[in-house]
Amino acid sequence: ILSGAIESGQFEGKEGERFTVTTLGLLK
């Protein structure tokens, strides 16, 4: 989902930009 957000332009890495994902237990 992270690479998808970057590839689609949903997240560009601009200063202060945030992209948040709820892990649903897939990570601690």
PDB file of all heavy atoms in Angstrom:
ATOM      1  N   ILE A   1       0.827  -1.214   0.000  1.00  0.00           N
ATOM      2  CA  ILE A   1       0.000   0.000   0.000  1.00  0.00           C
ATOM      3  C   ILE A   1       0.857   1.259   0.000  1.00  0.00           C
ATOM      4  O   ILE A   1       0.466   2.296  -0.550  1.00  0.00           O
ATOM      5  CB  ILE A   1      -0.975  -0.009   1.199  1.00  0.00           C
ATOM      6  CG1 ILE A   1      -2.027   1.103   1.022  1.00  0.00           C
ATOM      7  CG2 ILE A   1      -0.245   0.159   2.529  1.00  0.00           C
ATOM      8  CD1 ILE A   1      -3.147   1.032   2.022  1.00  0.00           C
ATOM      9  N   LEU A   2       2.069   1.200   0.584  1.00  0.00           N
ATOM     10  CA  LEU A   2       2.940   2.370   0.628  1.00  0.00           C
ATOM     11  C   LEU A   2       3.497   2.684  -0.763  1.00  0.00           C
ATOM     12  O   LEU A   2       3.472   3.840  -1.205  1.00  0.00           O
ATOM     13  CB  LEU A   2       4.094   2.133   1.604  1.00  0.00           C
ATOM     14  CG  LEU A   2       3.705   1.822   3.054  1.00  0.00           C
ATOM     15  CD1 LEU A   2       4.954   1.601   3.905  1.00  0.00           C
ATOM     16  CD2 LEU A   2       2.864   2.939   3.644  1.00  0.00           C
ATOM     17  N   SER A   3       4.004   1.664  -1.449  1.00  0.00           N
ATOM     18  CA  SER A   3       4.516   1.893  -2.802  1.00  0.00           C
ATOM     19  C   SER A   3       3.395   2.330  -3.734  1.00  0.00           C
ATOM     20  O   SER A   3       3.601   3.147  -4.640  1.00  0.00           O
ATOM     21  CB  SER A   3       5.197   0.633  -3.338  1.00  0.00           C
ATOM     22  OG  SER A   3       4.301  -0.466  -3.315  1.00  0.00           O
ATOM     23  N   GLY A   4       2.204   1.816  -3.487  1.00  0.00           N
ATOM     24  CA  GLY A   4       1.058   2.220  -4.308  1.00  0.00           C
ATOM     25  C   GLY A   4       0.739   3.696  -4.151  1.00  0.00           C
ATOM     26  O   GLY A   4       0.429   4.392  -5.136  1.00  0.00           O
ATOM     27  N   ALA A   5       0.847   4.195  -2.925  1.00  0.00           N
ATOM     28  CA  ALA A   5       0.571   5.614  -2.681  1.00  0.00           C
ATOM     29  C   ALA A   5       1.604   6.493  -3.374  1.00  0.00           C
ATOM     30  O   ALA A   5       1.281   7.560  -3.906  1.00  0.00           O
ATOM     31  CB  ALA A   5       0.561   5.891  -1.187  1.00  0.00           C
ATOM     32  N   ILE A   6       2.857   6.026  -3.393  1.00  0.00           N
ATOM     33  CA  ILE A   6       3.921   6.803  -4.032  1.00  0.00           C
ATOM     34  C   ILE A   6       3.779   6.767  -5.550  1.00  0.00           C
ATOM     35  O   ILE A   6       3.868   7.787  -6.238  1.00  0.00           O
ATOM     36  CB  ILE A   6       5.299   6.273  -3.594  1.00  0.00           C
ATOM     37  CG1 ILE A   6       5.513   6.575  -2.105  1.00  0.00           C
ATOM     38  CG2 ILE A   6       6.413   6.913  -4.426  1.00  0.00           C
ATOM     39  CD1 ILE A   6       6.735   5.907  -1.503  1.00  0.00           C
ATOM     40  N   GLU A   7       3.518   5.597  -6.090  1.00  0.00           N
ATOM     41  CA  GLU A   7       3.400   5.447  -7.542  1.00  0.00           C
ATOM     42  C   GLU A   7       2.201   6.199  -8.100  1.00  0.00           C
ATOM     43  O   GLU A   7       2.247   6.734  -9.214  1.00  0.00           O
ATOM     44  CB  GLU A   7       3.295   3.957  -7.895  1.00  0.00           C
ATOM     45  CG  GLU A   7       4.602   3.199  -7.676  1.00  0.00           C
ATOM     46  CD  GLU A   7       4.415   1.697  -7.754  1.00  0.00           C
ATOM     47  OE1 GLU A   7       3.293   1.248  -8.110  1.00  0.00           O
ATOM     48  OE2 GLU A   7       5.386   0.963  -7.460  1.00  0.00           O
ATOM     49  N   SER A   8       1.127   6.275  -7.339  1.00  0.00           N
ATOM     50  CA  SER A   8      -0.080   6.964  -7.802  1.00  0.00           C
ATOM     51  C   SER A   8      -0.014   8.476  -7.604  1.00  0.00           C
ATOM     52  O   SER A   8      -0.892   9.208  -8.061  1.00  0.00           O
ATOM     53  CB  SER A   8      -1.305   6.416  -7.059  1.00  0.00           C
ATOM     54  OG  SER A   8      -1.243   6.758  -5.673  1.00  0.00           O
ATOM     55  N   GLY A   9       1.011   8.931  -6.926  1.00  0.00           N
ATOM     56  CA  GLY A   9       1.133  10.362  -6.642  1.00  0.00           C
ATOM     57  C   GLY A   9       0.345  10.806  -5.435  1.00  0.00           C
ATOM     58  O   GLY A   9       0.275  12.009  -5.124  1.00  0.00           O
ATOM     59  N   GLN A  10      -0.236   9.851  -4.718  1.00  0.00           N
ATOM     60  CA  GLN A  10      -0.998  10.195  -3.516  1.00  0.00           C
ATOM     61  C   GLN A  10      -0.077  10.721  -2.418  1.00  0.00           C
ATOM     62  O   GLN A  10      -0.483  11.519  -1.579  1.00  0.00           O
ATOM     63  CB  GLN A  10      -1.765   8.963  -3.031  1.00  0.00           C
ATOM     64  CG  GLN A  10      -2.792   9.239  -1.953  1.00  0.00           C
ATOM     65  CD  GLN A  10      -3.610   8.011  -1.611  1.00  0.00           C
ATOM     66  OE1 GLN A  10      -3.481   6.956  -2.243  1.00  0.00           O
ATOM     67  NE2 GLN A  10      -4.463   8.128  -0.605  1.00  0.00           N
ATOM     68  N   PHE A  11       1.166  10.263  -2.444  1.00  0.00           N
ATOM     69  CA  PHE A  11       2.177  10.755  -1.515  1.00  0.00           C
ATOM     70  C   PHE A  11       3.421  11.099  -2.321  1.00  0.00           C
ATOM     71  O   PHE A  11       3.949  10.253  -3.060  1.00  0.00           O
ATOM     72  CB  PHE A  11       2.503   9.701  -0.457  1.00  0.00           C
ATOM     73  CG  PHE A  11       3.598  10.126   0.490  1.00  0.00           C
ATOM     74  CD1 PHE A  11       3.312  10.956   1.564  1.00  0.00           C
ATOM     75  CD2 PHE A  11       4.915   9.710   0.298  1.00  0.00           C
ATOM     76  CE1 PHE A  11       4.327  11.357   2.437  1.00  0.00           C
ATOM     77  CE2 PHE A  11       5.928  10.102   1.153  1.00  0.00           C
ATOM     78  CZ  PHE A  11       5.632  10.934   2.226  1.00  0.00           C
ATOM     79  N   GLU A  12       3.920  12.359  -2.164  1.00  0.00           N
ATOM     80  CA  GLU A  12       5.056  12.814  -2.965  1.00  0.00           C
ATOM     81  C   GLU A  12       6.293  13.121  -2.142  1.00  0.00           C
ATOM     82  O   GLU A  12       7.349  13.417  -2.705  1.00  0.00           O
ATOM     83  CB  GLU A  12       4.652  14.062  -3.761  1.00  0.00           C
ATOM     84  CG  GLU A  12       3.509  13.822  -4.740  1.00  0.00           C
ATOM     85  CD  GLU A  12       3.090  15.080  -5.472  1.00  0.00           C
ATOM     86  OE1 GLU A  12       3.627  16.163  -5.135  1.00  0.00           O
ATOM     87  OE2 GLU A  12       2.247  14.999  -6.376  1.00  0.00           O
ATOM     88  N   GLY A  13       6.172  13.095  -0.826  1.00  0.00           N
ATOM     89  CA  GLY A  13       7.332  13.370   0.022  1.00  0.00           C
ATOM     90  C   GLY A  13       7.594  14.843   0.248  1.00  0.00           C
ATOM     91  O   GLY A  13       8.689  15.226   0.671  1.00  0.00           O
ATOM     92  N   LYS A  14       6.612  15.709  -0.023  1.00  0.00           N
ATOM     93  CA  LYS A  14       6.786  17.132   0.253  1.00  0.00           C
ATOM     94  C   LYS A  14       6.964  17.350   1.749  1.00  0.00           C
ATOM     95  O   LYS A  14       6.463  16.574   2.570  1.00  0.00           O
ATOM     96  CB  LYS A  14       5.568  17.916  -0.228  1.00  0.00           C
ATOM     97  CG  LYS A  14       5.341  17.871  -1.725  1.00  0.00           C
ATOM     98  CD  LYS A  14       4.054  18.594  -2.105  1.00  0.00           C
ATOM     99  CE  LYS A  14       3.794  18.510  -3.600  1.00  0.00           C
ATOM    100  NZ  LYS A  14       2.498  19.141  -3.973  1.00  0.00           N
ATOM    101  N   GLU A  15       7.652  18.414   2.112  1.00  0.00           N
ATOM    102  CA  GLU A  15       7.924  18.677   3.522  1.00  0.00           C
ATOM    103  C   GLU A  15       6.621  18.759   4.322  1.00  0.00           C
ATOM    104  O   GLU A  15       5.732  19.546   4.003  1.00  0.00           O
ATOM    105  CB  GLU A  15       8.697  19.978   3.686  1.00  0.00           C
ATOM    106  CG  GLU A  15       9.112  20.232   5.130  1.00  0.00           C
ATOM    107  CD  GLU A  15       9.914  21.510   5.284  1.00  0.00           C
ATOM    108  OE1 GLU A  15       9.387  22.583   4.930  1.00  0.00           O
ATOM    109  OE2 GLU A  15      11.058  21.439   5.742  1.00  0.00           O
ATOM    110  N   GLY A  16       6.525  17.920   5.328  1.00  0.00           N
ATOM    111  CA  GLY A  16       5.358  17.909   6.196  1.00  0.00           C
ATOM    112  C   GLY A  16       4.216  17.046   5.710  1.00  0.00           C
ATOM    113  O   GLY A  16       3.234  16.841   6.431  1.00  0.00           O
ATOM    114  N   GLU A  17       4.301  16.512   4.502  1.00  0.00           N
ATOM    115  CA  GLU A  17       3.220  15.678   3.957  1.00  0.00           C
ATOM    116  C   GLU A  17       3.156  14.361   4.718  1.00  0.00           C
ATOM    117  O   GLU A  17       4.186  13.764   5.048  1.00  0.00           O
ATOM    118  CB  GLU A  17       3.467  15.429   2.474  1.00  0.00           C
ATOM    119  CG  GLU A  17       2.354  14.667   1.775  1.00  0.00           C
ATOM    120  CD  GLU A  17       2.656  14.410   0.300  1.00  0.00           C
ATOM    121  OE1 GLU A  17       3.810  14.673  -0.122  1.00  0.00           O
ATOM    122  OE2 GLU A  17       1.751  13.947  -0.411  1.00  0.00           O
ATOM    123  N   ARG A  18       1.948  13.891   4.997  1.00  0.00           N
ATOM    124  CA  ARG A  18       1.773  12.639   5.726  1.00  0.00           C
ATOM    125  C   ARG A  18       0.861  11.675   4.971  1.00  0.00           C
ATOM    126  O   ARG A  18      -0.110  12.096   4.339  1.00  0.00           O
ATOM    127  CB  ARG A  18       1.141  12.896   7.101  1.00  0.00           C
ATOM    128  CG  ARG A  18       2.111  13.252   8.180  1.00  0.00           C
ATOM    129  CD  ARG A  18       2.307  14.741   8.309  1.00  0.00           C
ATOM    130  NE  ARG A  18       1.270  15.400   9.087  1.00  0.00           N
ATOM    131  CZ  ARG A  18       1.167  16.728   9.187  1.00  0.00           C
ATOM    132  NH1 ARG A  18       2.015  17.524   8.548  1.00  0.00           N
ATOM    133  NH2 ARG A  18       0.228  17.272   9.912  1.00  0.00           N
ATOM    134  N   PHE A  19       1.207  10.391   5.046  1.00  0.00           N
ATOM    135  CA  PHE A  19       0.340   9.314   4.528  1.00  0.00           C
ATOM    136  C   PHE A  19       0.266   8.256   5.612  1.00  0.00           C
ATOM    137  O   PHE A  19       1.273   7.658   5.986  1.00  0.00           O
ATOM    138  CB  PHE A  19       0.900   8.735   3.232  1.00  0.00           C
ATOM    139  CG  PHE A  19       0.053   7.621   2.662  1.00  0.00           C
ATOM    140  CD1 PHE A  19      -1.114   7.910   1.971  1.00  0.00           C
ATOM    141  CD2 PHE A  19       0.420   6.291   2.832  1.00  0.00           C
ATOM    142  CE1 PHE A  19      -1.906   6.884   1.457  1.00  0.00           C
ATOM    143  CE2 PHE A  19      -0.369   5.260   2.330  1.00  0.00           C
ATOM    144  CZ  PHE A  19      -1.531   5.564   1.630  1.00  0.00           C
ATOM    145  N   THR A  20      -0.927   8.032   6.154  1.00  0.00           N
ATOM    146  CA  THR A  20      -1.108   7.172   7.321  1.00  0.00           C
ATOM    147  C   THR A  20      -1.856   5.901   6.948  1.00  0.00           C
ATOM    148  O   THR A  20      -2.873   5.939   6.253  1.00  0.00           O
ATOM    149  CB  THR A  20      -1.879   7.917   8.421  1.00  0.00           C
ATOM    150  OG1 THR A  20      -1.189   9.125   8.740  1.00  0.00           O
ATOM    151  CG2 THR A  20      -2.010   7.066   9.671  1.00  0.00           C
ATOM    152  N   VAL A  21      -1.342   4.776   7.448  1.00  0.00           N
ATOM    153  CA  VAL A  21      -1.946   3.473   7.201  1.00  0.00           C
ATOM    154  C   VAL A  21      -2.185   2.783   8.542  1.00  0.00           C
ATOM    155  O   VAL A  21      -1.271   2.714   9.381  1.00  0.00           O
ATOM    156  CB  VAL A  21      -1.039   2.587   6.331  1.00  0.00           C
ATOM    157  CG1 VAL A  21      -1.680   1.216   6.112  1.00  0.00           C
ATOM    158  CG2 VAL A  21      -0.733   3.254   5.006  1.00  0.00           C
ATOM    159  N   THR A  22      -3.389   2.273   8.751  1.00  0.00           N
ATOM    160  CA  THR A  22      -3.664   1.438   9.924  1.00  0.00           C
ATOM    161  C   THR A  22      -3.248   0.012   9.597  1.00  0.00           C
ATOM    162  O   THR A  22      -3.656  -0.539   8.563  1.00  0.00           O
ATOM    163  CB  THR A  22      -5.157   1.479  10.280  1.00  0.00           C
ATOM    164  OG1 THR A  22      -5.535   2.835  10.538  1.00  0.00           O
ATOM    165  CG2 THR A  22      -5.445   0.638  11.510  1.00  0.00           C
ATOM    166  N   THR A  23      -2.417  -0.589  10.438  1.00  0.00           N
ATOM    167  CA  THR A  23      -1.795  -1.869  10.091  1.00  0.00           C
ATOM    168  C   THR A  23      -2.698  -3.082  10.324  1.00  0.00           C
ATOM    169  O   THR A  23      -2.421  -4.170   9.808  1.00  0.00           O
ATOM    170  CB  THR A  23      -0.500  -2.067  10.890  1.00  0.00           C
ATOM    171  OG1 THR A  23      -0.817  -2.166  12.281  1.00  0.00           O
ATOM    172  CG2 THR A  23       0.457  -0.913  10.664  1.00  0.00           C
ATOM    173  N   LEU A  24      -3.769  -2.939  11.102  1.00  0.00           N
ATOM    174  CA  LEU A  24      -4.721  -4.041  11.342  1.00  0.00           C
ATOM    175  C   LEU A  24      -4.017  -5.309  11.819  1.00  0.00           C
ATOM    176  O   LEU A  24      -4.391  -6.429  11.453  1.00  0.00           O
ATOM    177  CB  LEU A  24      -5.524  -4.329  10.072  1.00  0.00           C
ATOM    178  CG  LEU A  24      -6.371  -3.163   9.530  1.00  0.00           C
ATOM    179  CD1 LEU A  24      -7.022  -3.539   8.214  1.00  0.00           C
ATOM    180  CD2 LEU A  24      -7.410  -2.739  10.550  1.00  0.00           C
ATOM    181  N   GLY A  25      -2.991  -5.131  12.635  1.00  0.00           N
ATOM    182  CA  GLY A  25      -2.300  -6.272  13.213  1.00  0.00           C
ATOM    183  C   GLY A  25      -1.232  -6.898  12.342  1.00  0.00           C
ATOM    184  O   GLY A  25      -0.558  -7.843  12.766  1.00  0.00           O
ATOM    185  N   LEU A  26      -1.032  -6.389  11.138  1.00  0.00           N
ATOM    186  CA  LEU A  26       0.004  -6.936  10.258  1.00  0.00           C
ATOM    187  C   LEU A  26       1.402  -6.570  10.739  1.00  0.00           C
ATOM    188  O   LEU A  26       2.382  -7.222  10.386  1.00  0.00           O
ATOM    189  CB  LEU A  26      -0.211  -6.432   8.827  1.00  0.00           C
ATOM    190  CG  LEU A  26      -1.527  -6.881   8.160  1.00  0.00           C
ATOM    191  CD1 LEU A  26      -1.707  -6.190   6.819  1.00  0.00           C
ATOM    192  CD2 LEU A  26      -1.514  -8.409   7.986  1.00  0.00           C
ATOM    193  N   LEU A  27       1.496  -5.514  11.518  1.00  0.00           N
ATOM    194  CA  LEU A  27       2.744  -5.107  12.158  1.00  0.00           C
ATOM    195  C   LEU A  27       2.450  -4.799  13.617  1.00  0.00           C
ATOM    196  O   LEU A  27       1.291  -4.547  13.980  1.00  0.00           O
ATOM    197  CB  LEU A  27       3.332  -3.866  11.470  1.00  0.00           C
ATOM    198  CG  LEU A  27       3.837  -4.035  10.041  1.00  0.00           C
ATOM    199  CD1 LEU A  27       4.118  -2.670   9.414  1.00  0.00           C
ATOM    200  CD2 LEU A  27       5.089  -4.904  10.008  1.00  0.00           C
ATOM    201  N   LYS A  28       3.481  -4.784  14.459  1.00  0.00           N
ATOM    202  CA  LYS A  28       3.270  -4.484  15.872  1.00  0.00           C
ATOM    203  C   LYS A  28       2.890  -3.020  16.101  1.00  0.00           C
ATOM    204  O   LYS A  28       2.217  -2.700  17.080  1.00  0.00           O
ATOM    205  CB  LYS A  28       4.515  -4.835  16.681  1.00  0.00           C
ATOM    206  CG  LYS A  28       4.734  -6.331  16.828  1.00  0.00           C
ATOM    207  CD  LYS A  28       5.886  -6.635  17.782  1.00  0.00           C
ATOM    208  CE  LYS A  28       6.033  -8.127  18.001  1.00  0.00           C
ATOM    209  NZ  LYS A  28       7.127  -8.443  18.945  1.00  0.00           N
TER     210      LYS A  28
END
